[in-house]
Protein backbone atom coordinates (compact mmCIF):
# COMPACT_ATOMS: atom_id res chain seq x y z
CA MET A 1 -15.26 -10.94 26.70
CA GLY A 2 -17.66 -9.39 24.19
CA ASN A 3 -17.37 -9.42 20.35
CA LYS A 4 -14.03 -9.87 18.94
CA THR A 5 -12.50 -7.13 16.66
CA LYS A 6 -12.61 -8.32 12.87
CA LEU A 7 -9.10 -7.77 11.65
CA TYR A 8 -8.48 -7.42 7.83
CA LEU A 9 -5.20 -7.42 6.19
CA LEU A 10 -4.92 -5.29 2.98
CA THR A 11 -2.04 -6.23 0.54
CA GLY A 12 -1.14 -5.45 -3.10
CA PHE A 13 1.95 -4.09 -4.84
CA LEU A 14 3.00 -0.59 -4.98
CA GLY A 15 0.37 1.69 -6.75
CA ALA A 16 -2.40 -1.18 -7.07
CA GLY A 17 -4.99 0.95 -5.34
CA LYS A 18 -4.98 -0.19 -1.77
CA THR A 19 -5.58 3.47 -0.24
CA THR A 20 -8.31 4.16 -2.80
CA PHE A 21 -9.97 0.84 -1.87
CA LEU A 22 -9.53 1.29 1.86
CA THR A 23 -10.98 4.89 1.56
CA ASN A 24 -14.11 3.54 0.07
CA ILE A 25 -14.55 0.81 2.87
CA LEU A 26 -14.18 3.42 5.50
CA ASN A 27 -16.89 5.66 3.87
CA ASP A 28 -19.19 2.69 3.72
CA LEU A 29 -18.41 1.97 7.56
CA SER A 30 -19.17 5.28 8.69
CA GLY A 31 -20.64 5.25 12.30
CA GLU A 32 -18.60 2.06 13.14
CA LYS A 33 -15.53 2.14 15.49
CA VAL A 34 -12.72 1.35 12.87
CA GLY A 35 -8.87 1.36 13.41
CA VAL A 36 -6.29 1.58 10.57
CA ILE A 37 -2.81 0.49 11.00
CA MET A 38 -0.87 1.99 7.87
CA ASN A 39 2.47 0.73 6.94
CA GLU A 40 4.72 2.63 4.36
CA PHE A 41 8.27 1.99 3.30
CA GLY A 42 9.14 5.72 3.22
CA LYS A 43 10.31 7.92 6.15
CA VAL A 44 7.19 9.99 5.59
CA GLY A 45 3.54 8.64 5.76
CA ILE A 46 1.99 9.86 2.71
CA ASP A 47 -1.27 7.82 2.56
CA GLY A 48 -2.21 8.25 6.17
CA THR A 49 -3.00 11.97 5.60
CA ILE A 50 -5.27 10.97 2.62
CA ILE A 51 -7.41 8.56 4.59
CA LYS A 52 -7.92 10.33 8.02
CA LYS A 53 -11.66 10.91 8.97
CA GLU A 54 -13.92 11.44 11.73
CA GLY A 55 -14.11 8.68 14.36
CA MET A 56 -11.18 6.67 12.99
CA GLU A 57 -8.12 5.63 14.89
CA LEU A 58 -5.08 5.66 12.84
CA VAL A 59 -1.50 4.29 13.65
CA GLU A 60 1.26 4.72 11.06
CA ILE A 61 4.43 2.56 11.00
CA ASN A 62 6.87 3.83 8.39
CA ARG A 63 10.52 2.95 7.40
CA GLY A 64 10.12 -0.79 6.21
CA SER A 65 7.63 -3.60 6.01
CA ILE A 66 5.72 -4.59 9.35
CA PHE A 67 6.32 -8.09 8.53
CA CYS A 68 10.26 -7.80 8.68
CA SER A 69 11.97 -8.37 11.96
CA CYS A 70 12.94 -4.64 11.90
CA LEU A 71 9.43 -3.59 12.56
CA GLN A 72 7.89 -6.56 14.19
CA LEU A 73 7.58 -5.03 17.62
CA SER A 74 6.02 -1.80 16.15
CA PHE A 75 3.27 -3.99 14.51
CA VAL A 76 2.73 -6.14 17.56
CA SER A 77 2.38 -3.05 19.72
CA ALA A 78 -0.05 -1.31 17.14
CA LEU A 79 -2.21 -4.37 17.23
CA MET A 80 -2.26 -4.39 21.12
CA GLU A 81 -3.08 -0.55 21.20
CA MET A 82 -5.92 -1.02 18.75
CA ALA A 83 -7.14 -4.17 20.76
CA ASP A 84 -7.28 -1.88 23.88
CA ARG A 85 -9.62 0.69 22.02
CA SER A 86 -12.55 -1.91 21.57
CA MET A 87 -12.91 -1.45 17.64
CA GLU A 88 -15.28 -3.20 15.65
CA TYR A 89 -13.00 -3.40 12.64
CA VAL A 90 -9.22 -3.12 12.24
CA PHE A 91 -7.82 -2.76 8.89
CA VAL A 92 -3.95 -3.31 8.17
CA GLU A 93 -2.62 -1.65 5.10
CA SER A 94 0.73 -3.09 4.50
CA SER A 95 3.40 -1.61 2.30
CA GLY A 96 3.62 -2.57 -1.35
CA LEU A 97 6.57 -4.43 -0.70
CA ALA A 98 5.30 -6.38 2.24
CA ASP A 99 5.46 -10.28 2.23
CA PRO A 100 2.64 -11.12 4.62
CA SER A 101 3.48 -14.97 4.61
CA ASN A 102 4.29 -14.80 8.72
CA ILE A 103 0.91 -12.93 9.63
CA GLY A 104 0.21 -15.77 11.95
CA GLU A 105 3.16 -15.11 14.12
CA PHE A 106 1.89 -11.66 14.90
CA LEU A 107 -1.68 -12.90 16.06
CA GLU A 108 -0.14 -15.51 18.08
CA ALA A 109 2.04 -12.80 20.00
CA VAL A 110 -1.21 -10.55 20.36
CA GLU A 111 -3.17 -13.58 21.81
CA VAL A 112 -0.28 -14.55 24.24
CA ALA A 113 -0.38 -10.94 25.67
CA LYS A 114 -4.05 -9.97 25.25
CA GLY A 115 -6.10 -13.09 24.66
CA HIS A 116 -8.20 -13.83 21.65
CA VAL A 117 -9.32 -10.32 20.90
CA TYR A 118 -8.99 -10.45 17.19
CA GLU A 119 -11.00 -12.39 14.68
CA TYR A 120 -8.67 -12.54 11.68
CA SER A 121 -11.13 -12.27 8.83
CA GLY A 122 -8.84 -12.58 5.86
CA ALA A 123 -6.25 -11.01 3.61
CA ILE A 124 -7.53 -8.86 0.56
CA CYS A 125 -4.87 -8.57 -2.13
CA ILE A 126 -5.43 -5.65 -4.64
CA VAL A 127 -4.12 -6.71 -8.13
CA ASP A 128 -3.04 -3.83 -10.37
CA GLY A 129 -5.05 -4.52 -13.59
CA VAL A 130 -2.49 -2.41 -15.59
CA ASN A 131 0.68 -3.71 -14.44
CA PHE A 132 0.12 -7.08 -12.76
CA LEU A 133 1.18 -9.36 -15.73
CA ASP A 134 4.54 -7.38 -15.85
CA GLN A 135 5.04 -7.49 -12.23
CA ILE A 136 4.33 -10.99 -11.85
CA GLU A 137 7.18 -11.92 -14.12
CA ASP A 138 9.94 -10.47 -12.04
CA ILE A 139 8.58 -9.47 -8.56
CA GLU A 140 8.51 -12.23 -6.04
CA THR A 141 6.31 -10.22 -3.60
CA VAL A 142 3.55 -9.83 -5.97
CA GLU A 143 3.36 -13.78 -6.00
CA ARG A 144 3.57 -14.16 -2.29
CA GLN A 145 0.81 -11.53 -1.63
CA LEU A 146 -1.46 -13.48 -3.87
CA ARG A 147 -0.58 -16.88 -2.52
CA PHE A 148 -1.52 -15.79 1.05
CA CYS A 149 -4.74 -13.97 0.26
CA HIS A 150 -8.44 -14.87 0.70
CA LEU A 151 -9.90 -12.38 -1.74
CA ALA A 152 -8.07 -11.09 -4.77
CA VAL A 153 -9.54 -7.70 -6.13
CA ILE A 154 -8.43 -7.02 -9.55
CA SER A 155 -8.33 -2.78 -9.80
CA LYS A 156 -8.15 -0.33 -12.74
CA VAL A 157 -10.51 -2.84 -14.96
CA ASP A 158 -11.68 0.22 -16.77
CA LEU A 159 -8.21 0.51 -18.09
CA ILE A 160 -8.00 -2.99 -19.42
CA ASP A 161 -9.73 -5.12 -22.08
CA GLY A 162 -11.80 -8.33 -21.36
CA GLU A 163 -9.06 -10.58 -22.80
CA THR A 164 -6.42 -9.06 -20.43
CA LEU A 165 -8.94 -9.41 -17.55
CA ASN A 166 -9.25 -13.18 -18.19
CA ILE A 167 -5.52 -13.63 -18.47
CA ILE A 168 -5.16 -11.89 -15.08
CA LYS A 169 -7.89 -14.14 -13.52
CA GLU A 170 -6.12 -17.27 -14.93
CA LYS A 171 -2.91 -16.27 -13.36
CA ILE A 172 -4.43 -15.61 -10.07
CA LYS A 173 -6.04 -19.04 -10.07
CA GLU A 174 -2.68 -20.69 -10.82
CA ILE A 175 -1.09 -19.08 -7.80
CA ASN A 176 -3.99 -19.38 -5.48
CA TYR A 177 -6.79 -21.91 -6.69
CA LYS A 178 -8.84 -21.18 -3.68
CA THR A 179 -9.12 -17.42 -3.46
CA GLU A 180 -12.38 -15.69 -4.49
CA ILE A 181 -11.74 -12.95 -7.29
CA GLY A 182 -13.51 -9.48 -7.20
CA ILE A 183 -13.38 -6.66 -9.59
CA ALA A 184 -12.95 -2.94 -8.49
CA THR A 185 -13.75 0.10 -10.53
CA ASN A 186 -12.47 3.31 -8.87
CA GLY A 187 -11.75 1.42 -5.95
CA LYS A 188 -15.15 0.19 -5.47
CA LEU A 189 -15.87 -3.37 -5.14
CA ASP A 190 -19.12 -4.86 -6.63
CA TYR A 191 -19.86 -7.12 -3.62
CA ASN A 192 -19.86 -6.80 0.16
CA PHE A 193 -17.02 -8.95 1.52
CA LEU A 194 -17.68 -7.81 5.20
CA GLU A 195 -20.54 -9.90 5.35
CA LYS A 196 -18.97 -13.08 3.93
CA ASN A 197 -16.55 -15.65 5.58
CA LEU A 198 -13.49 -15.34 3.43
CA MET A 199 -11.70 -17.61 5.77
CA GLU A 200 -13.54 -20.57 4.76
CA ASN A 201 -11.27 -20.76 1.82
CA HIS A 202 -7.98 -20.49 4.24
CA TRP A 203 -5.49 -22.84 2.77
CA ALA A 204 -1.90 -21.42 3.10
CA ASP A 205 -0.17 -21.88 6.50
CA SER A 206 2.11 -19.19 7.93
CA GLU A 207 5.72 -19.14 6.47
CA ASP A 208 8.77 -17.08 6.93
CA THR A 209 8.60 -13.84 5.25
CA THR A 210 11.18 -12.80 2.58
CA ASN A 211 11.08 -9.35 4.11
CA SER A 212 14.40 -8.65 5.81
CA PRO A 213 16.65 -5.83 6.96
CA GLU A 214 19.05 -6.87 4.21
CA ASN A 215 16.70 -6.79 1.29
CA LYS A 216 14.84 -3.69 2.34
CA PRO A 217 14.56 -1.21 -0.78
CA LYS A 218 16.13 2.03 -0.67
CA THR A 219 13.79 4.73 -0.11
CA LEU A 220 14.50 8.49 -0.40
CA THR A 221 12.54 11.80 0.35
CA LEU A 222 12.85 14.83 -2.02
CA THR A 223 11.72 18.15 -0.71
CA TYR A 224 11.53 21.26 -2.50
CA GLU A 225 10.64 24.89 -1.57
CA GLY A 226 8.60 26.82 -4.07
CA GLU A 227 6.15 26.29 -7.03
CA MET A 228 6.94 24.21 -9.79
CA ASN A 229 6.14 23.98 -13.47
CA LYS A 230 3.89 20.97 -14.15
CA GLU A 231 5.62 20.22 -17.39
CA LYS A 232 9.34 20.43 -15.78
CA LEU A 233 8.07 17.78 -13.09
CA VAL A 234 6.72 15.49 -15.68
CA ARG A 235 9.97 15.61 -17.50
CA PHE A 236 11.95 15.13 -14.16
CA LEU A 237 9.76 12.09 -13.21
CA ASP A 238 9.98 10.75 -16.99
CA MET A 239 13.62 10.52 -16.43
CA ILE A 240 13.77 8.69 -13.10
CA LYS A 241 10.68 6.53 -13.09
CA GLN A 242 12.34 3.46 -14.74
CA HIS A 243 14.67 3.30 -11.80
CA SER A 244 11.76 3.42 -9.30
CA TYR A 245 9.00 0.97 -7.86
CA ARG A 246 6.91 3.78 -6.87
CA ILE A 247 6.89 7.76 -6.66
CA LYS A 248 4.31 9.49 -4.53
CA GLY A 249 3.81 12.56 -2.58
CA PHE A 250 2.30 16.13 -2.56
CA PHE A 251 3.86 19.11 -4.85
CA LYS A 252 2.96 22.71 -5.14
CA LEU A 253 2.37 23.38 -8.96
CA GLU A 254 1.47 26.70 -10.79
CA ASP A 255 -2.26 25.65 -10.35
CA GLY A 256 -1.95 24.80 -6.54
CA TRP A 257 -1.22 21.83 -4.56
CA ASN A 258 -1.29 18.39 -6.33
CA GLN A 259 -1.09 14.90 -5.26
CA VAL A 260 1.54 13.04 -7.25
CA ASP A 261 1.59 9.45 -8.01
CA VAL A 262 3.79 7.37 -10.27
CA VAL A 263 3.22 3.67 -10.87
CA GLY A 264 4.94 1.69 -13.87
CA ARG A 265 5.16 4.06 -16.76
CA LYS A 266 2.05 6.19 -15.56
CA ILE A 267 2.21 9.54 -13.98
CA ASP A 268 -0.92 10.82 -12.15
CA PHE A 269 -1.68 14.27 -10.71
CA LYS A 270 -4.71 15.17 -8.62
CA ALA A 271 -5.66 18.50 -7.46
CA THR A 272 -5.89 18.63 -3.49
CA ASP A 273 -7.15 21.43 -1.42
CA ARG A 274 -4.73 20.40 1.41
CA GLU A 275 -1.73 22.96 2.23
CA GLU A 276 1.40 21.19 2.81
CA PRO A 277 4.39 23.18 4.44
CA ILE A 278 6.68 21.88 1.63
CA SER A 279 6.55 19.98 -1.40
CA GLN A 280 7.77 16.40 -1.06
CA LEU A 281 8.15 12.98 -3.06
CA VAL A 282 8.81 9.69 -1.62
CA ILE A 283 10.96 7.69 -4.06
CA ILE A 284 11.06 3.89 -3.49
CA SER A 285 14.22 2.58 -5.74
CA ARG A 286 14.22 -0.30 -7.86
CA VAL A 287 18.09 -0.05 -8.29
CA GLY A 288 19.22 0.48 -4.50
CA PRO A 289 21.30 3.71 -3.77
CA GLN A 290 22.35 3.96 -7.42
CA ILE A 291 19.29 5.85 -7.98
CA ILE A 292 20.71 8.93 -6.06
CA LYS A 293 22.99 10.07 -9.00
CA PRO A 294 20.16 9.82 -11.76
CA ILE A 295 17.83 11.76 -9.50
CA PHE A 296 20.55 14.59 -8.92
CA ASN A 297 21.37 14.69 -12.39
CA ALA A 298 17.90 14.74 -13.87
CA TRP A 299 16.82 17.54 -11.38
CA GLU A 300 19.95 19.69 -12.18
CA GLU A 301 19.10 19.23 -15.87
CA ILE A 302 15.54 20.10 -15.78
CA VAL A 303 14.93 22.21 -12.69
CA GLY A 304 18.35 23.68 -11.68
CA GLU A 305 17.17 24.90 -8.33
CA GLU A 306 17.98 23.54 -4.85
CA MET A 307 16.10 20.64 -3.45
CA LYS A 308 17.13 18.24 -0.59
CA LEU A 309 17.28 14.45 -0.96
CA ARG A 310 17.42 12.22 2.28
């Protein structure tokens, strides 16, 4: 068989900037045959629609983590499907809540079925420069994503000072002393990892993942017909964001369609020329189903019009 497909895994907690980073890589690889397997926790894939481009093959796997037994078969079959298409590169963008410590199992399953078609080229973990020091204190997934990576890329460095950056670097080295550390500004990395052998620093063996059907976070999709006043939407998001790991989607505001992104305390709007059939937000709950009541209460108080939550 000819050249093997280079397989990269992209990890990083919710809102760290994985999709922005991936979009930049795909732009740099124009003309190459590139496949993307995109995994999101919500029932509706939001990020897949952002990165679609000519000549790219995209498989979306929603409703959970690809490393959980609940989606294991979907992930293996997606890898096998990509193997049949003779790609030069395949990037797997895992959900922000994914614990990738059992990646080895999946590669073995594909090898048994297809032979040695992939060259696993490393896990790249995007570290959220703004929120990482808070996240690492209370979210185990953040630590496990770092422990199993071969390159850690600190994002949003333009929003933090030099001292904070140094503390983050020290913390990364504490968790994974062998990983290389890169810095990304606006999702762009300052060196070409595609030409490096990230696996020479491989040190952590495959382990059981902590992702399971039992601890899968509650994900809800809010849909709304009609236009929304931006100030009202911000007030609504302000009331529910402390109960959420992440909120993202597309919403029709008075100035047209916007991509909405809420990470930690920060709410971002980005105008888009894409027309959606309906406004929708995917909300990943930090408090399980208990988030449902606060969502309805906040919506009723601020908007007072009909919406659907499923």
